[in-house]
Amino acid sequence: MKRFNFTALFLLMLTAVACQSLVDLGVSSTAVPDAPEGFPTLTPTPAAGLSRANPLPVGAAVTLADWRIEVLEIARGDDAWEQIRRANPNNEPPGDNEEYLLARYRVKNESGSADDAYLGLHVTGDNLALHYSFNADVVQPEPRLETTLPGGGESEGWLAYRIWRGESNLVAVIDSLLEYDTPPQYLALEPGAAIPSGQAALESIPATNLGADSREPAPLGQVVTGEDWQVAVLDAVSGQAAWEMVYEANQFNDPPPDRAMYVVVRVRVKYIGWEEDGVSVSDSSFTLVNGQGSAYDTPSVVEPEPDLFFELYPGGSVEGYLVFWAKEDDSGLMLLFDPPLSGDYETRYLSLGLGGR
């Protein structure tokens, strides 16, 4: 006659109790794909405020490190522009595809230190890019918010942002700039605002070899796809037309050197990787190369708007201008795209469709 295995029964009962406790807590248990069988890893849904998909609700107070932050009110569109215009008549209206957002915050540094602490207050929405207040390039309405405060310091006031016209699901991204190990907090600026994960759609985009070889750069207008990025050159101009664009961007920009010309390129970049906290893309990710493989330095100029300086979340897509100069008689000009912190598998070459002048 077989003996009953009480040890196995006891372990089975413990497992059942543990699973029921997880259900009661609203936590699901899933196995990591690469984990050995029988060793599940708990993956609880992030608590409110720790993700863009589950931000704290409108009106909630945020506690981050030694900071306490509240959003008191927001204004956008024509209402925001009217306040910004009254703050300083020299403030410029938003661009064709932009609008202003104003947020009035109350912040307090609750630490006991006399040293200054620094708070980052940014905004994102369903366009999946980060909007910095310092990119608004306007004189803020009064009272203006101070985000650098010593322990015990408080401030209440406005910050302005440039967002895309009609952008929805606006969420504040709150970051303690000296607490590098502290993740940002997310706070809804509109009722019901949330930005769901699009991971499944991004993971279905296959990388291709188009543009991987400098001898066969991607044609103008063609999208190249790496592991984490998609890039396309939308337009490219050189010579006098490019110099006029650079001069219009800022009359203090220098003309090109002798026997050189400006090259202005408009690109579209999409982040298809999965870094949830976002990644940066800027003109530093691009180099102008000629048909012989020689690379040009990037001139120090004010670029036409929009310039390429963005923080993108997974799925985010932006357009911007790049400015280079090259020899007047150069041919086979192309862009080398090589984003930082990426391996050779991400490098791509894109033709500009330009020869000499």
Protein backbone atom coordinates (compact mmCIF):
# COMPACT_ATOMS: atom_id res chain seq x y z
CA MET A 1 0.00 0.00 0.00
CA LYS A 2 1.31 3.50 -0.94
CA ARG A 3 2.10 5.92 1.88
CA PHE A 4 0.43 9.39 1.71
CA ASN A 5 3.01 12.18 1.10
CA PHE A 6 2.17 14.77 3.81
CA THR A 7 5.16 16.94 2.83
CA ALA A 8 3.87 17.36 -0.72
CA LEU A 9 0.38 18.15 0.58
CA PHE A 10 1.78 20.80 2.95
CA LEU A 11 3.76 22.50 0.16
CA LEU A 12 0.70 22.45 -2.08
CA MET A 13 -1.39 24.13 0.63
CA LEU A 14 1.27 26.83 1.13
CA THR A 15 1.31 27.54 -2.61
CA ALA A 16 -2.48 27.85 -2.71
CA VAL A 17 -2.49 30.27 0.24
CA ALA A 18 0.25 32.40 -1.37
CA CYS A 19 -1.60 32.57 -4.68
CA GLN A 20 -4.86 33.55 -2.97
CA SER A 21 -3.00 36.31 -1.06
CA LEU A 22 -1.69 37.70 -4.32
CA VAL A 23 -5.19 37.70 -5.80
CA ASP A 24 -6.52 39.52 -2.73
CA LEU A 25 -3.81 42.17 -3.19
CA GLY A 26 -4.62 42.62 -6.87
CA VAL A 27 -1.15 41.33 -7.92
CA SER A 28 -0.74 38.91 -10.81
CA SER A 29 2.07 36.39 -11.08
CA THR A 30 3.63 35.88 -14.50
CA ALA A 31 6.75 34.07 -15.62
CA VAL A 32 9.57 35.94 -17.36
CA PRO A 33 9.97 34.28 -20.79
CA ASP A 34 13.62 33.37 -20.20
CA ALA A 35 13.09 32.16 -16.62
CA PRO A 36 13.44 28.41 -15.89
CA GLU A 37 10.19 26.52 -15.62
CA GLY A 38 8.73 26.53 -12.15
CA PHE A 39 10.35 29.81 -11.05
CA PRO A 40 7.67 32.52 -11.55
CA THR A 41 8.55 36.21 -11.21
CA LEU A 42 5.99 38.57 -9.70
CA THR A 43 5.24 41.56 -11.96
CA PRO A 44 2.85 43.84 -10.09
CA THR A 45 1.22 46.71 -11.95
CA PRO A 46 3.11 49.94 -11.10
CA ALA A 47 1.43 51.95 -8.38
CA ALA A 48 -0.40 55.16 -9.30
CA GLY A 49 2.07 57.89 -10.17
CA LEU A 50 4.91 55.62 -11.28
CA SER A 51 4.01 55.36 -14.96
CA ARG A 52 2.48 57.41 -17.75
CA ALA A 53 -0.16 54.70 -18.13
CA ASN A 54 -1.23 55.10 -14.50
CA PRO A 55 -0.58 58.70 -13.38
CA LEU A 56 -1.86 60.21 -10.17
CA PRO A 57 -5.27 61.84 -10.71
CA VAL A 58 -5.89 65.52 -11.31
CA GLY A 59 -5.55 67.50 -8.06
CA ALA A 60 -3.42 64.95 -6.21
CA ALA A 61 -0.37 66.17 -4.28
CA VAL A 62 2.91 64.55 -5.34
CA THR A 63 5.63 63.67 -2.84
CA LEU A 64 9.00 63.06 -4.47
CA ALA A 65 12.20 62.79 -2.41
CA ASP A 66 11.98 65.91 -0.19
CA TRP A 67 9.57 67.75 -2.50
CA ARG A 68 5.83 68.29 -2.29
CA ILE A 69 4.22 69.39 -5.56
CA GLU A 70 0.67 70.44 -6.46
CA VAL A 71 -0.80 71.61 -9.76
CA LEU A 72 -3.30 74.36 -8.99
CA GLU A 73 -4.62 75.11 -12.49
CA ILE A 74 -3.77 74.93 -16.17
CA ALA A 75 -4.58 77.00 -19.26
CA ARG A 76 -3.91 76.17 -22.88
CA GLY A 77 -4.50 77.42 -26.41
CA ASP A 78 -5.85 80.95 -26.81
CA ASP A 79 -6.24 81.46 -23.05
CA ALA A 80 -2.60 80.56 -22.41
CA TRP A 81 -1.35 82.70 -25.31
CA GLU A 82 -3.29 85.72 -24.07
CA GLN A 83 -1.64 85.45 -20.62
CA ILE A 84 1.80 84.98 -22.21
CA ARG A 85 1.25 87.92 -24.58
CA ARG A 86 0.30 90.16 -21.65
CA ALA A 87 3.35 89.00 -19.67
CA ASN A 88 5.64 90.45 -22.35
CA PRO A 89 4.63 91.95 -25.72
CA ASN A 90 7.84 90.55 -27.22
CA ASN A 91 6.80 86.98 -26.53
CA GLU A 92 6.23 85.22 -29.85
CA PRO A 93 3.02 83.38 -30.72
CA PRO A 94 3.22 79.58 -31.00
CA GLY A 95 4.17 77.94 -34.29
CA ASP A 96 1.65 76.67 -36.82
CA ASN A 97 1.41 73.22 -35.26
CA GLU A 98 1.90 74.34 -31.67
CA GLU A 99 0.00 75.85 -28.79
CA TYR A 100 1.02 77.08 -25.36
CA LEU A 101 0.24 75.32 -22.11
CA LEU A 102 0.44 77.12 -18.77
CA ALA A 103 0.54 75.25 -15.46
CA ARG A 104 0.44 76.94 -12.05
CA TYR A 105 2.28 74.93 -9.42
CA ARG A 106 2.81 75.09 -5.68
CA VAL A 107 6.08 73.45 -4.63
CA LYS A 108 7.94 73.07 -1.33
CA ASN A 109 11.35 71.67 -0.48
CA GLU A 110 10.63 69.90 2.81
CA SER A 111 14.22 68.90 3.58
CA GLY A 112 16.14 70.29 6.53
CA SER A 113 19.17 71.17 4.40
CA ALA A 114 20.19 74.74 3.63
CA ASP A 115 21.54 73.61 0.24
CA ASP A 116 19.55 74.25 -2.91
CA ALA A 117 17.65 71.37 -4.50
CA TYR A 118 16.47 71.29 -8.08
CA LEU A 119 13.09 70.19 -9.38
CA GLY A 120 12.23 69.25 -12.97
CA LEU A 121 8.63 69.88 -14.05
CA HIS A 122 7.98 68.68 -17.57
CA VAL A 123 4.89 67.71 -19.58
CA THR A 124 4.09 64.93 -22.01
CA GLY A 125 1.00 63.82 -23.92
CA ASP A 126 -0.18 61.36 -26.52
CA ASN A 127 2.41 62.66 -29.02
CA LEU A 128 4.91 60.74 -26.86
CA ALA A 129 7.56 63.46 -26.53
CA LEU A 130 8.71 65.39 -23.47
CA HIS A 131 8.06 69.14 -23.33
CA TYR A 132 10.51 71.16 -21.22
CA SER A 133 9.48 74.50 -19.76
CA PHE A 134 12.81 76.07 -20.77
CA ASN A 135 11.99 75.26 -24.42
CA ALA A 136 9.02 77.63 -24.37
CA ASP A 137 11.39 80.59 -24.91
CA VAL A 138 8.98 83.09 -23.36
CA VAL A 139 8.83 85.42 -20.39
CA GLN A 140 6.57 83.56 -17.95
CA PRO A 141 3.46 85.25 -16.54
CA GLU A 142 3.57 86.48 -12.95
CA PRO A 143 3.98 84.99 -10.46
CA ARG A 144 6.81 82.91 -11.88
CA LEU A 145 7.58 79.57 -10.32
CA GLU A 146 10.98 78.96 -8.70
CA THR A 147 12.17 75.36 -9.04
CA THR A 148 15.51 75.81 -7.24
CA LEU A 149 14.87 76.08 -3.52
CA PRO A 150 16.73 75.46 -0.24
CA GLY A 151 15.24 73.30 2.50
CA GLY A 152 12.01 74.87 3.76
CA GLY A 153 11.67 77.00 0.62
CA GLU A 154 8.28 77.35 -1.09
CA SER A 155 7.13 78.81 -4.39
CA GLU A 156 3.88 79.23 -6.27
CA GLY A 157 3.65 80.34 -9.86
CA TRP A 158 3.44 79.60 -13.58
CA LEU A 159 5.49 77.57 -16.04
CA ALA A 160 4.90 77.72 -19.79
CA TYR A 161 5.28 74.90 -22.30
CA ARG A 162 5.05 74.57 -26.07
CA ILE A 163 2.97 71.51 -26.89
CA TRP A 164 1.55 70.24 -30.17
CA ARG A 165 -1.78 71.72 -31.17
CA GLY A 166 -4.62 69.50 -30.02
CA GLU A 167 -2.35 67.21 -28.01
CA SER A 168 -4.34 65.31 -25.38
CA ASN A 169 -3.75 63.08 -22.34
CA LEU A 170 -1.47 65.70 -20.82
CA VAL A 171 0.59 64.42 -17.91
CA ALA A 172 3.14 66.26 -15.73
CA VAL A 173 6.51 64.49 -15.43
CA ILE A 174 8.07 65.43 -12.09
CA ASP A 175 11.74 64.76 -11.47
CA SER A 176 14.07 65.53 -8.56
CA LEU A 177 17.19 66.49 -10.49
CA LEU A 178 19.72 65.58 -7.79
CA GLU A 179 18.11 62.29 -6.75
CA TYR A 180 19.37 60.15 -9.60
CA ASP A 181 18.03 56.90 -8.16
CA THR A 182 14.53 58.29 -7.61
CA PRO A 183 12.18 57.55 -10.53
CA PRO A 184 9.99 60.39 -11.82
CA GLN A 185 6.38 60.77 -10.74
CA TYR A 186 3.51 61.27 -13.19
CA LEU A 187 0.46 63.45 -12.51
CA ALA A 188 -2.56 63.83 -14.81
CA LEU A 189 -3.21 67.42 -15.91
CA GLU A 190 -6.58 66.55 -17.48
CA PRO A 191 -9.33 64.31 -16.09
CA GLY A 192 -8.73 60.72 -17.18
CA ALA A 193 -5.37 61.49 -18.78
CA ALA A 194 -3.25 58.37 -19.27
CA ILE A 195 -0.84 57.17 -21.94
CA PRO A 196 -1.16 53.41 -22.45
CA SER A 197 1.70 51.13 -23.43
CA GLY A 198 2.21 50.49 -27.12
CA GLN A 199 4.88 47.84 -26.65
CA ALA A 200 3.18 45.10 -28.67
CA ALA A 201 2.89 47.29 -31.77
CA LEU A 202 6.52 48.41 -31.53
CA GLU A 203 7.86 44.90 -31.05
CA SER A 204 6.20 43.88 -34.32
CA ILE A 205 8.32 46.34 -36.37
CA PRO A 206 11.22 44.39 -37.96
CA ALA A 207 14.65 45.92 -38.47
CA THR A 208 15.87 46.09 -42.09
CA ASN A 209 19.27 46.48 -43.76
CA LEU A 210 18.24 49.52 -45.85
CA GLY A 211 20.94 52.15 -45.42
CA ALA A 212 23.26 49.90 -43.41
CA ASP A 213 26.04 50.19 -46.05
CA SER A 214 27.54 53.58 -46.94
CA ARG A 215 27.92 52.37 -50.53
CA GLU A 216 24.15 51.99 -50.74
CA PRO A 217 22.57 54.79 -48.70
CA ALA A 218 18.79 54.90 -48.35
CA PRO A 219 17.20 57.07 -51.08
CA LEU A 220 15.74 60.46 -50.15
CA GLY A 221 12.36 59.99 -48.46
CA GLN A 222 12.85 56.29 -47.67
CA VAL A 223 12.44 55.15 -44.05
CA VAL A 224 15.34 53.19 -42.54
CA THR A 225 14.60 50.91 -39.60
CA GLY A 226 17.05 49.74 -36.97
CA GLU A 227 16.42 47.94 -33.71
CA ASP A 228 15.35 51.07 -31.80
CA TRP A 229 14.91 53.83 -34.40
CA GLN A 230 13.27 54.74 -37.67
CA VAL A 231 14.69 57.68 -39.65
CA ALA A 232 13.87 59.38 -42.96
CA VAL A 233 15.24 62.44 -44.77
CA LEU A 234 12.21 64.51 -45.79
CA ASP A 235 14.01 67.32 -47.62
CA ALA A 236 17.49 68.71 -48.22
CA VAL A 237 18.68 72.01 -49.69
CA SER A 238 22.15 73.45 -50.22
CA GLY A 239 23.91 76.55 -51.50
CA GLN A 240 22.14 79.92 -51.54
CA ALA A 241 18.73 78.49 -50.61
CA ALA A 242 20.23 76.87 -47.52
CA TRP A 243 22.07 80.06 -46.52
CA GLU A 244 18.81 82.03 -46.76
CA MET A 245 17.13 79.56 -44.39
CA VAL A 246 20.04 79.81 -41.92
CA TYR A 247 20.03 83.61 -42.09
CA GLU A 248 16.27 83.77 -41.58
CA ALA A 249 16.60 81.53 -38.53
CA ASN A 250 18.97 84.08 -36.99
CA GLN A 251 20.51 87.10 -38.67
CA PHE A 252 23.63 86.72 -36.51
CA ASN A 253 24.44 83.32 -38.01
CA ASP A 254 27.70 83.50 -39.96
CA PRO A 255 27.83 82.96 -43.72
CA PRO A 256 29.60 79.79 -44.85
CA PRO A 257 33.42 79.88 -45.26
CA ASP A 258 34.98 80.44 -48.69
CA ARG A 259 34.33 77.60 -51.13
CA ALA A 260 31.86 76.08 -48.69
CA MET A 261 28.08 75.96 -48.60
CA TYR A 262 25.39 75.35 -46.04
CA VAL A 263 23.34 72.16 -46.20
CA VAL A 264 19.95 72.18 -44.43
CA VAL A 265 18.18 68.87 -43.89
CA ARG A 266 14.75 68.11 -42.49
CA VAL A 267 14.45 64.66 -40.90
CA ARG A 268 11.78 62.60 -39.22
CA VAL A 269 12.84 60.36 -36.33
CA LYS A 270 10.74 57.76 -34.49
CA TYR A 271 11.78 55.87 -31.37
CA ILE A 272 10.64 52.24 -31.61
CA GLY A 273 12.68 50.88 -28.69
CA TRP A 274 11.33 50.23 -25.23
CA GLU A 275 13.02 52.55 -22.74
CA GLU A 276 9.95 53.59 -20.75
CA ASP A 277 11.58 56.68 -19.21
CA GLY A 278 12.40 58.07 -22.66
CA VAL A 279 15.54 58.64 -24.71
CA SER A 280 17.10 61.75 -26.28
CA VAL A 281 17.60 62.47 -29.94
CA SER A 282 19.37 65.57 -31.25
CA ASP A 283 21.59 66.84 -34.05
CA SER A 284 24.51 65.09 -32.32
CA SER A 285 23.10 61.80 -33.66
CA PHE A 286 23.75 62.92 -37.26
CA THR A 287 26.93 63.55 -39.26
CA LEU A 288 27.25 64.84 -42.84
CA VAL A 289 29.42 62.55 -44.96
CA ASN A 290 30.48 62.87 -48.60
CA GLY A 291 30.74 60.13 -51.20
CA GLN A 292 34.38 59.49 -50.29
CA GLY A 293 33.48 58.84 -46.66
CA SER A 294 34.87 62.12 -45.26
CA ALA A 295 32.83 63.59 -42.39
CA TYR A 296 32.18 67.29 -41.84
CA ASP A 297 32.07 69.15 -38.55
CA THR A 298 28.72 70.63 -37.56
CA PRO A 299 28.70 74.46 -37.59
CA SER A 300 27.66 76.38 -34.49
CA VAL A 301 24.49 78.14 -35.68
CA VAL A 302 20.88 78.71 -34.66
CA GLU A 303 18.90 76.18 -36.70
CA PRO A 304 15.55 76.84 -38.37
CA GLU A 305 12.57 75.83 -36.24
CA PRO A 306 11.93 73.20 -35.20
CA ASP A 307 15.48 72.20 -34.38
CA LEU A 308 16.09 68.56 -33.52
CA PHE A 309 16.30 68.34 -29.72
CA PHE A 310 13.74 66.01 -28.18
CA GLU A 311 13.19 63.41 -25.50
CA LEU A 312 11.01 60.65 -26.95
CA TYR A 313 8.97 57.93 -25.31
CA PRO A 314 8.38 54.58 -27.05
CA GLY A 315 6.42 55.26 -30.24
CA GLY A 316 7.23 58.99 -30.28
CA SER A 317 7.89 60.60 -33.67
CA VAL A 318 9.28 64.11 -34.35
CA GLU A 319 10.60 66.23 -37.20
CA GLY A 320 13.37 68.79 -37.09
CA TYR A 321 16.06 70.67 -39.04
CA LEU A 322 19.78 69.93 -39.15
CA VAL A 323 22.38 72.38 -40.45
CA PHE A 324 25.78 71.42 -41.90
CA TRP A 325 28.31 72.85 -44.27
CA ALA A 326 30.24 71.12 -47.04
CA LYS A 327 32.57 71.94 -49.92
CA GLU A 328 30.77 73.62 -52.80
CA ASP A 329 31.80 70.94 -55.30
CA ASP A 330 31.17 67.94 -53.04
CA SER A 331 29.02 65.09 -54.32
CA GLY A 332 27.30 62.05 -52.91
CA LEU A 333 26.34 63.84 -49.70
CA MET A 334 24.58 61.66 -47.13
CA LEU A 335 23.67 61.59 -43.47
CA LEU A 336 25.22 59.14 -41.06
CA PHE A 337 22.72 58.36 -38.29
CA ASP A 338 24.48 56.99 -35.21
CA PRO A 339 22.48 57.59 -32.01
CA PRO A 340 24.37 57.60 -28.70
CA LEU A 341 24.52 54.43 -26.60
CA SER A 342 23.68 52.31 -29.65
CA GLY A 343 25.82 49.66 -31.32
CA ASP A 344 26.82 49.39 -34.96
CA TYR A 345 23.52 47.61 -35.67
CA GLU A 346 21.77 51.04 -35.41
CA THR A 347 24.07 52.94 -37.81
CA ARG A 348 22.37 53.95 -41.06
CA TYR A 349 23.29 56.07 -44.13
CA LEU A 350 20.70 58.26 -45.86
CA SER A 351 21.21 59.99 -49.22
CA LEU A 352 20.38 63.69 -49.47
CA GLY A 353 19.91 63.64 -53.23
CA LEU A 354 22.41 66.51 -53.53
CA GLY A 355 25.54 66.91 -55.59
CA GLY A 356 27.43 70.17 -55.62
CA ARG A 357 25.67 73.48 -55.55
